[in-house]
Amino acid sequence: MSDTILKCTTRHIRIFTAVVENNDLILDNEHLTLDIDPDNEFLWGDQSIEKVQNYFRELVDSQANNELSDYSLRKIGSLLEDFIRQLLKDGELSYNPNSRVMNYSMGLPRTKELL
């Protein structure tokens, strides 16, 4: 492992080889910090957050015997991004109408069909 922070930044996921102390990232190659939806684009319930965290742990555990690299973090980040898209598609998440930017980055919101 290097002496620099490895990171993955997607639209809704940020992963760092660091810990947060007093709002600062401190290099720690033994820990991964996960930041979910830093721009608050979605409305999250506790179950949805827990699902993302559990999937994150599964993905990290599956890499346990491999060296952690920028590539492996990007892969984990991309898989989590797809997972969030599926939660939105399944109706477990919704867009936050008070988000600073409404760009529907994961697709148009679900609407009820008119009869």
N, C-alpha and C. Protein backbone atom coordinates (compact mmCIF):
# COMPACT_ATOMS: atom_id res chain seq x y z
N MET A 1 0.84 -1.18 0.00
CA MET A 1 0.00 0.00 0.00
C MET A 1 0.88 1.24 0.00
N SER A 2 0.39 2.27 -0.61
CA SER A 2 1.16 3.50 -0.71
C SER A 2 0.88 4.42 0.47
N ASP A 3 1.61 5.52 0.48
CA ASP A 3 1.41 6.52 1.53
C ASP A 3 0.48 7.64 1.07
N THR A 4 -0.30 7.39 0.04
CA THR A 4 -1.29 8.36 -0.42
C THR A 4 -2.67 7.76 -0.27
N ILE A 5 -3.64 8.62 -0.13
CA ILE A 5 -5.02 8.17 0.01
C ILE A 5 -5.51 7.64 -1.33
N LEU A 6 -5.97 6.40 -1.33
CA LEU A 6 -6.65 5.86 -2.51
C LEU A 6 -8.09 6.29 -2.41
N LYS A 7 -8.70 6.61 -3.54
CA LYS A 7 -10.09 7.05 -3.48
C LYS A 7 -10.83 6.69 -4.76
N CYS A 8 -12.13 6.61 -4.60
CA CYS A 8 -13.05 6.45 -5.71
C CYS A 8 -14.15 7.48 -5.52
N THR A 9 -14.40 8.24 -6.57
CA THR A 9 -15.46 9.25 -6.49
C THR A 9 -16.38 9.06 -7.69
N THR A 10 -17.62 8.70 -7.40
CA THR A 10 -18.65 8.65 -8.44
C THR A 10 -19.67 9.73 -8.08
N ARG A 11 -20.73 9.80 -8.82
CA ARG A 11 -21.75 10.82 -8.57
C ARG A 11 -22.36 10.68 -7.18
N HIS A 12 -22.56 9.45 -6.72
CA HIS A 12 -23.27 9.23 -5.45
C HIS A 12 -22.47 8.45 -4.40
N ILE A 13 -21.25 8.10 -4.74
CA ILE A 13 -20.41 7.30 -3.84
C ILE A 13 -19.01 7.88 -3.79
N ARG A 14 -18.48 7.99 -2.57
CA ARG A 14 -17.07 8.34 -2.38
C ARG A 14 -16.48 7.34 -1.40
N ILE A 15 -15.35 6.77 -1.77
CA ILE A 15 -14.66 5.79 -0.94
C ILE A 15 -13.21 6.27 -0.77
N PHE A 16 -12.71 6.24 0.45
CA PHE A 16 -11.35 6.69 0.75
C PHE A 16 -10.64 5.68 1.64
N THR A 17 -9.31 5.53 1.46
CA THR A 17 -8.50 4.77 2.41
C THR A 17 -8.08 5.76 3.48
N ALA A 18 -9.03 6.10 4.32
CA ALA A 18 -8.81 7.11 5.35
C ALA A 18 -9.90 7.01 6.40
N VAL A 19 -9.69 7.71 7.50
CA VAL A 19 -10.71 7.88 8.52
C VAL A 19 -10.99 9.37 8.63
N VAL A 20 -12.17 9.71 9.12
CA VAL A 20 -12.54 11.10 9.30
C VAL A 20 -12.31 11.49 10.75
N GLU A 21 -11.52 12.53 10.94
CA GLU A 21 -11.27 13.09 12.27
C GLU A 21 -11.41 14.59 12.18
N ASN A 22 -12.34 15.16 12.94
CA ASN A 22 -12.58 16.61 12.94
C ASN A 22 -12.80 17.14 11.53
N ASN A 23 -13.60 16.41 10.75
CA ASN A 23 -13.92 16.76 9.36
C ASN A 23 -12.73 16.73 8.41
N ASP A 24 -11.64 16.09 8.80
CA ASP A 24 -10.48 15.92 7.94
C ASP A 24 -10.30 14.44 7.64
N LEU A 25 -9.85 14.14 6.42
CA LEU A 25 -9.50 12.77 6.06
C LEU A 25 -8.06 12.52 6.48
N ILE A 26 -7.87 11.47 7.28
CA ILE A 26 -6.55 11.09 7.76
C ILE A 26 -6.21 9.74 7.13
N LEU A 27 -5.10 9.69 6.40
CA LEU A 27 -4.66 8.47 5.74
C LEU A 27 -4.67 7.30 6.73
N ASP A 28 -5.32 6.22 6.34
CA ASP A 28 -5.34 4.99 7.14
C ASP A 28 -5.58 3.84 6.19
N ASN A 29 -4.50 3.18 5.81
CA ASN A 29 -4.59 2.09 4.84
C ASN A 29 -5.31 0.85 5.37
N GLU A 30 -5.68 0.86 6.64
CA GLU A 30 -6.38 -0.27 7.22
C GLU A 30 -7.89 -0.06 7.24
N HIS A 31 -8.36 1.11 6.82
CA HIS A 31 -9.79 1.42 6.85
C HIS A 31 -10.26 2.04 5.54
N LEU A 32 -11.49 1.75 5.21
CA LEU A 32 -12.15 2.41 4.09
C LEU A 32 -13.31 3.22 4.64
N THR A 33 -13.42 4.45 4.19
CA THR A 33 -14.52 5.31 4.58
C THR A 33 -15.45 5.45 3.39
N LEU A 34 -16.73 5.23 3.61
CA LEU A 34 -17.75 5.30 2.58
C LEU A 34 -18.62 6.52 2.83
N ASP A 35 -18.76 7.37 1.82
CA ASP A 35 -19.64 8.53 1.87
C ASP A 35 -20.72 8.30 0.81
N ILE A 36 -21.96 8.15 1.27
CA ILE A 36 -23.08 7.85 0.38
C ILE A 36 -23.84 9.13 0.06
N ASP A 37 -24.05 9.39 -1.23
CA ASP A 37 -24.85 10.52 -1.71
C ASP A 37 -24.46 11.85 -1.05
N PRO A 38 -23.22 12.28 -1.24
CA PRO A 38 -22.76 13.50 -0.57
C PRO A 38 -23.52 14.76 -0.96
N ASP A 39 -24.20 14.76 -2.11
CA ASP A 39 -24.96 15.94 -2.54
C ASP A 39 -26.43 15.87 -2.14
N ASN A 40 -26.81 14.82 -1.41
CA ASN A 40 -28.20 14.64 -0.94
C ASN A 40 -29.21 14.69 -2.09
N GLU A 41 -28.89 13.98 -3.15
CA GLU A 41 -29.80 13.94 -4.29
C GLU A 41 -31.03 13.08 -4.01
N PHE A 42 -30.91 12.15 -3.06
CA PHE A 42 -31.99 11.21 -2.77
C PHE A 42 -32.50 11.37 -1.34
N LEU A 43 -33.72 10.89 -1.15
CA LEU A 43 -34.29 10.77 0.19
C LEU A 43 -34.02 9.33 0.63
N TRP A 44 -33.30 9.18 1.74
CA TRP A 44 -32.85 7.88 2.21
C TRP A 44 -33.60 7.45 3.46
N GLY A 45 -33.97 6.19 3.50
CA GLY A 45 -34.47 5.58 4.72
C GLY A 45 -33.34 4.76 5.33
N ASP A 46 -33.49 4.44 6.59
CA ASP A 46 -32.44 3.67 7.28
C ASP A 46 -32.17 2.33 6.59
N GLN A 47 -33.22 1.68 6.10
CA GLN A 47 -33.04 0.38 5.44
C GLN A 47 -32.24 0.50 4.16
N SER A 48 -32.48 1.54 3.39
CA SER A 48 -31.75 1.73 2.13
C SER A 48 -30.27 1.99 2.40
N ILE A 49 -29.98 2.82 3.39
CA ILE A 49 -28.59 3.09 3.75
C ILE A 49 -27.92 1.80 4.21
N GLU A 50 -28.62 1.04 5.03
CA GLU A 50 -28.08 -0.22 5.52
C GLU A 50 -27.80 -1.20 4.38
N LYS A 51 -28.69 -1.24 3.39
CA LYS A 51 -28.48 -2.12 2.23
C LYS A 51 -27.21 -1.73 1.48
N VAL A 52 -27.00 -0.43 1.28
CA VAL A 52 -25.80 0.03 0.58
C VAL A 52 -24.56 -0.30 1.41
N GLN A 53 -24.61 -0.06 2.71
CA GLN A 53 -23.47 -0.36 3.58
C GLN A 53 -23.16 -1.86 3.59
N ASN A 54 -24.19 -2.69 3.65
CA ASN A 54 -23.98 -4.14 3.64
C ASN A 54 -23.39 -4.61 2.32
N TYR A 55 -23.89 -4.06 1.22
CA TYR A 55 -23.34 -4.43 -0.09
C TYR A 55 -21.89 -3.97 -0.20
N PHE A 56 -21.59 -2.80 0.33
CA PHE A 56 -20.22 -2.30 0.36
C PHE A 56 -19.32 -3.29 1.11
N ARG A 57 -19.75 -3.74 2.27
CA ARG A 57 -18.97 -4.71 3.05
C ARG A 57 -18.75 -6.01 2.27
N GLU A 58 -19.81 -6.47 1.58
CA GLU A 58 -19.68 -7.69 0.77
C GLU A 58 -18.62 -7.49 -0.32
N LEU A 59 -18.68 -6.35 -1.00
CA LEU A 59 -17.72 -6.07 -2.07
C LEU A 59 -16.30 -5.98 -1.54
N VAL A 60 -16.13 -5.33 -0.41
CA VAL A 60 -14.80 -5.21 0.20
C VAL A 60 -14.30 -6.59 0.63
N ASP A 61 -15.18 -7.36 1.26
CA ASP A 61 -14.78 -8.71 1.68
C ASP A 61 -14.38 -9.58 0.50
N SER A 62 -15.04 -9.41 -0.64
CA SER A 62 -14.71 -10.22 -1.81
C SER A 62 -13.34 -9.87 -2.37
N GLN A 63 -12.80 -8.71 -2.00
CA GLN A 63 -11.47 -8.28 -2.43
C GLN A 63 -10.40 -8.54 -1.37
N ALA A 64 -10.75 -9.23 -0.30
CA ALA A 64 -9.87 -9.38 0.86
C ALA A 64 -8.51 -9.97 0.51
N ASN A 65 -8.43 -10.87 -0.44
CA ASN A 65 -7.16 -11.51 -0.77
C ASN A 65 -6.40 -10.79 -1.87
N ASN A 66 -6.96 -9.69 -2.35
CA ASN A 66 -6.32 -8.93 -3.43
C ASN A 66 -5.78 -7.62 -2.89
N GLU A 67 -4.76 -7.10 -3.55
CA GLU A 67 -4.22 -5.80 -3.16
C GLU A 67 -5.23 -4.72 -3.52
N LEU A 68 -5.44 -3.81 -2.60
CA LEU A 68 -6.35 -2.70 -2.85
C LEU A 68 -5.68 -1.71 -3.78
N SER A 69 -6.38 -1.30 -4.81
CA SER A 69 -5.82 -0.38 -5.80
C SER A 69 -6.89 0.63 -6.21
N ASP A 70 -6.48 1.63 -6.96
CA ASP A 70 -7.45 2.58 -7.51
C ASP A 70 -8.49 1.83 -8.35
N TYR A 71 -8.03 0.86 -9.13
CA TYR A 71 -8.94 0.10 -9.98
C TYR A 71 -9.97 -0.65 -9.16
N SER A 72 -9.53 -1.35 -8.10
CA SER A 72 -10.49 -2.14 -7.31
C SER A 72 -11.47 -1.22 -6.59
N LEU A 73 -11.03 -0.05 -6.13
CA LEU A 73 -11.95 0.90 -5.50
C LEU A 73 -12.95 1.44 -6.52
N ARG A 74 -12.48 1.74 -7.74
CA ARG A 74 -13.40 2.22 -8.79
C ARG A 74 -14.43 1.16 -9.13
N LYS A 75 -14.00 -0.09 -9.15
CA LYS A 75 -14.94 -1.19 -9.43
C LYS A 75 -16.01 -1.26 -8.35
N ILE A 76 -15.59 -1.18 -7.08
CA ILE A 76 -16.54 -1.20 -5.97
C ILE A 76 -17.48 -0.01 -6.07
N GLY A 77 -16.93 1.17 -6.36
CA GLY A 77 -17.76 2.37 -6.49
C GLY A 77 -18.78 2.25 -7.61
N SER A 78 -18.36 1.70 -8.74
CA SER A 78 -19.28 1.53 -9.87
C SER A 78 -20.40 0.54 -9.54
N LEU A 79 -20.04 -0.55 -8.86
CA LEU A 79 -21.06 -1.52 -8.47
C LEU A 79 -22.05 -0.92 -7.47
N LEU A 80 -21.56 -0.10 -6.55
CA LEU A 80 -22.46 0.57 -5.61
C LEU A 80 -23.36 1.57 -6.33
N GLU A 81 -22.82 2.27 -7.30
CA GLU A 81 -23.61 3.22 -8.08
C GLU A 81 -24.76 2.47 -8.78
N ASP A 82 -24.45 1.31 -9.37
CA ASP A 82 -25.50 0.50 -10.01
C ASP A 82 -26.52 0.02 -9.00
N PHE A 83 -26.06 -0.33 -7.80
CA PHE A 83 -26.95 -0.78 -6.73
C PHE A 83 -27.92 0.34 -6.34
N ILE A 84 -27.42 1.55 -6.23
CA ILE A 84 -28.28 2.69 -5.90
C ILE A 84 -29.30 2.92 -7.01
N ARG A 85 -28.88 2.78 -8.25
CA ARG A 85 -29.81 2.92 -9.38
C ARG A 85 -30.95 1.90 -9.26
N GLN A 86 -30.60 0.68 -8.86
CA GLN A 86 -31.62 -0.36 -8.71
C GLN A 86 -32.57 -0.04 -7.55
N LEU A 87 -32.03 0.49 -6.45
CA LEU A 87 -32.89 0.89 -5.33
C LEU A 87 -33.88 1.97 -5.78
N LEU A 88 -33.42 2.90 -6.59
CA LEU A 88 -34.30 3.95 -7.10
C LEU A 88 -35.37 3.34 -8.02
N LYS A 89 -34.93 2.46 -8.90
CA LYS A 89 -35.85 1.81 -9.83
C LYS A 89 -36.91 0.99 -9.09
N ASP A 90 -36.50 0.36 -7.99
CA ASP A 90 -37.42 -0.46 -7.20
C ASP A 90 -38.31 0.36 -6.27
N GLY A 91 -38.10 1.67 -6.25
CA GLY A 91 -38.93 2.54 -5.42
C GLY A 91 -38.48 2.63 -3.97
N GLU A 92 -37.28 2.12 -3.66
CA GLU A 92 -36.78 2.18 -2.29
C GLU A 92 -36.12 3.53 -1.99
N LEU A 93 -35.81 4.28 -3.02
CA LEU A 93 -35.27 5.64 -2.91
C LEU A 93 -36.13 6.54 -3.77
N SER A 94 -36.10 7.80 -3.46
CA SER A 94 -36.73 8.79 -4.33
C SER A 94 -35.83 10.01 -4.39
N TYR A 95 -36.01 10.79 -5.43
CA TYR A 95 -35.24 12.02 -5.55
C TYR A 95 -35.64 12.99 -4.45
N ASN A 96 -34.69 13.75 -3.98
CA ASN A 96 -34.90 14.76 -2.96
C ASN A 96 -35.33 16.05 -3.66
N PRO A 97 -36.58 16.49 -3.49
CA PRO A 97 -37.03 17.70 -4.17
C PRO A 97 -36.32 18.96 -3.67
N ASN A 98 -35.64 18.87 -2.53
CA ASN A 98 -34.90 20.01 -1.98
C ASN A 98 -33.41 19.95 -2.31
N SER A 99 -33.02 19.02 -3.17
CA SER A 99 -31.62 18.92 -3.57
C SER A 99 -31.22 20.18 -4.32
N ARG A 100 -29.97 20.56 -4.17
CA ARG A 100 -29.52 21.80 -4.81
C ARG A 100 -29.54 21.71 -6.34
N VAL A 101 -29.45 20.50 -6.87
CA VAL A 101 -29.49 20.30 -8.32
C VAL A 101 -30.45 19.15 -8.62
N MET A 102 -31.42 19.39 -9.46
CA MET A 102 -32.35 18.34 -9.86
C MET A 102 -32.01 17.92 -11.29
N ASN A 103 -31.04 17.01 -11.43
CA ASN A 103 -30.66 16.60 -12.78
C ASN A 103 -31.07 15.17 -13.12
N TYR A 104 -31.73 14.50 -12.21
CA TYR A 104 -32.22 13.14 -12.43
C TYR A 104 -31.11 12.25 -13.01
N SER A 105 -29.98 12.25 -12.34
CA SER A 105 -28.79 11.56 -12.84
C SER A 105 -28.97 10.05 -12.98
N MET A 106 -29.95 9.50 -12.32
CA MET A 106 -30.19 8.05 -12.39
C MET A 106 -31.44 7.72 -13.21
N GLY A 107 -31.96 8.67 -13.93
CA GLY A 107 -33.16 8.46 -14.73
C GLY A 107 -34.31 9.27 -14.20
N LEU A 108 -35.33 9.38 -14.99
CA LEU A 108 -36.50 10.16 -14.59
C LEU A 108 -37.20 9.53 -13.39
N PRO A 109 -37.82 10.34 -12.56
CA PRO A 109 -38.52 9.80 -11.38
C PRO A 109 -39.69 8.92 -11.81
N ARG A 110 -40.02 8.00 -10.94
CA ARG A 110 -41.18 7.14 -11.18
C ARG A 110 -42.44 7.94 -10.95
N THR A 111 -43.41 7.71 -11.79
CA THR A 111 -44.71 8.35 -11.62
C THR A 111 -45.78 7.29 -11.68
N LYS A 112 -46.90 7.58 -11.06
CA LYS A 112 -48.02 6.66 -11.11
C LYS A 112 -48.65 6.76 -12.50
N GLU A 113 -49.00 5.60 -13.03
CA GLU A 113 -49.63 5.57 -14.34
C GLU A 113 -51.08 6.02 -14.20
N LEU A 114 -51.52 6.81 -15.14
CA LEU A 114 -52.92 7.26 -15.16
C LEU A 114 -53.77 6.19 -15.83
N LEU A 115 -54.94 5.95 -15.28
CA LEU A 115 -55.84 4.95 -15.85
C LEU A 115 -56.62 5.52 -16.98
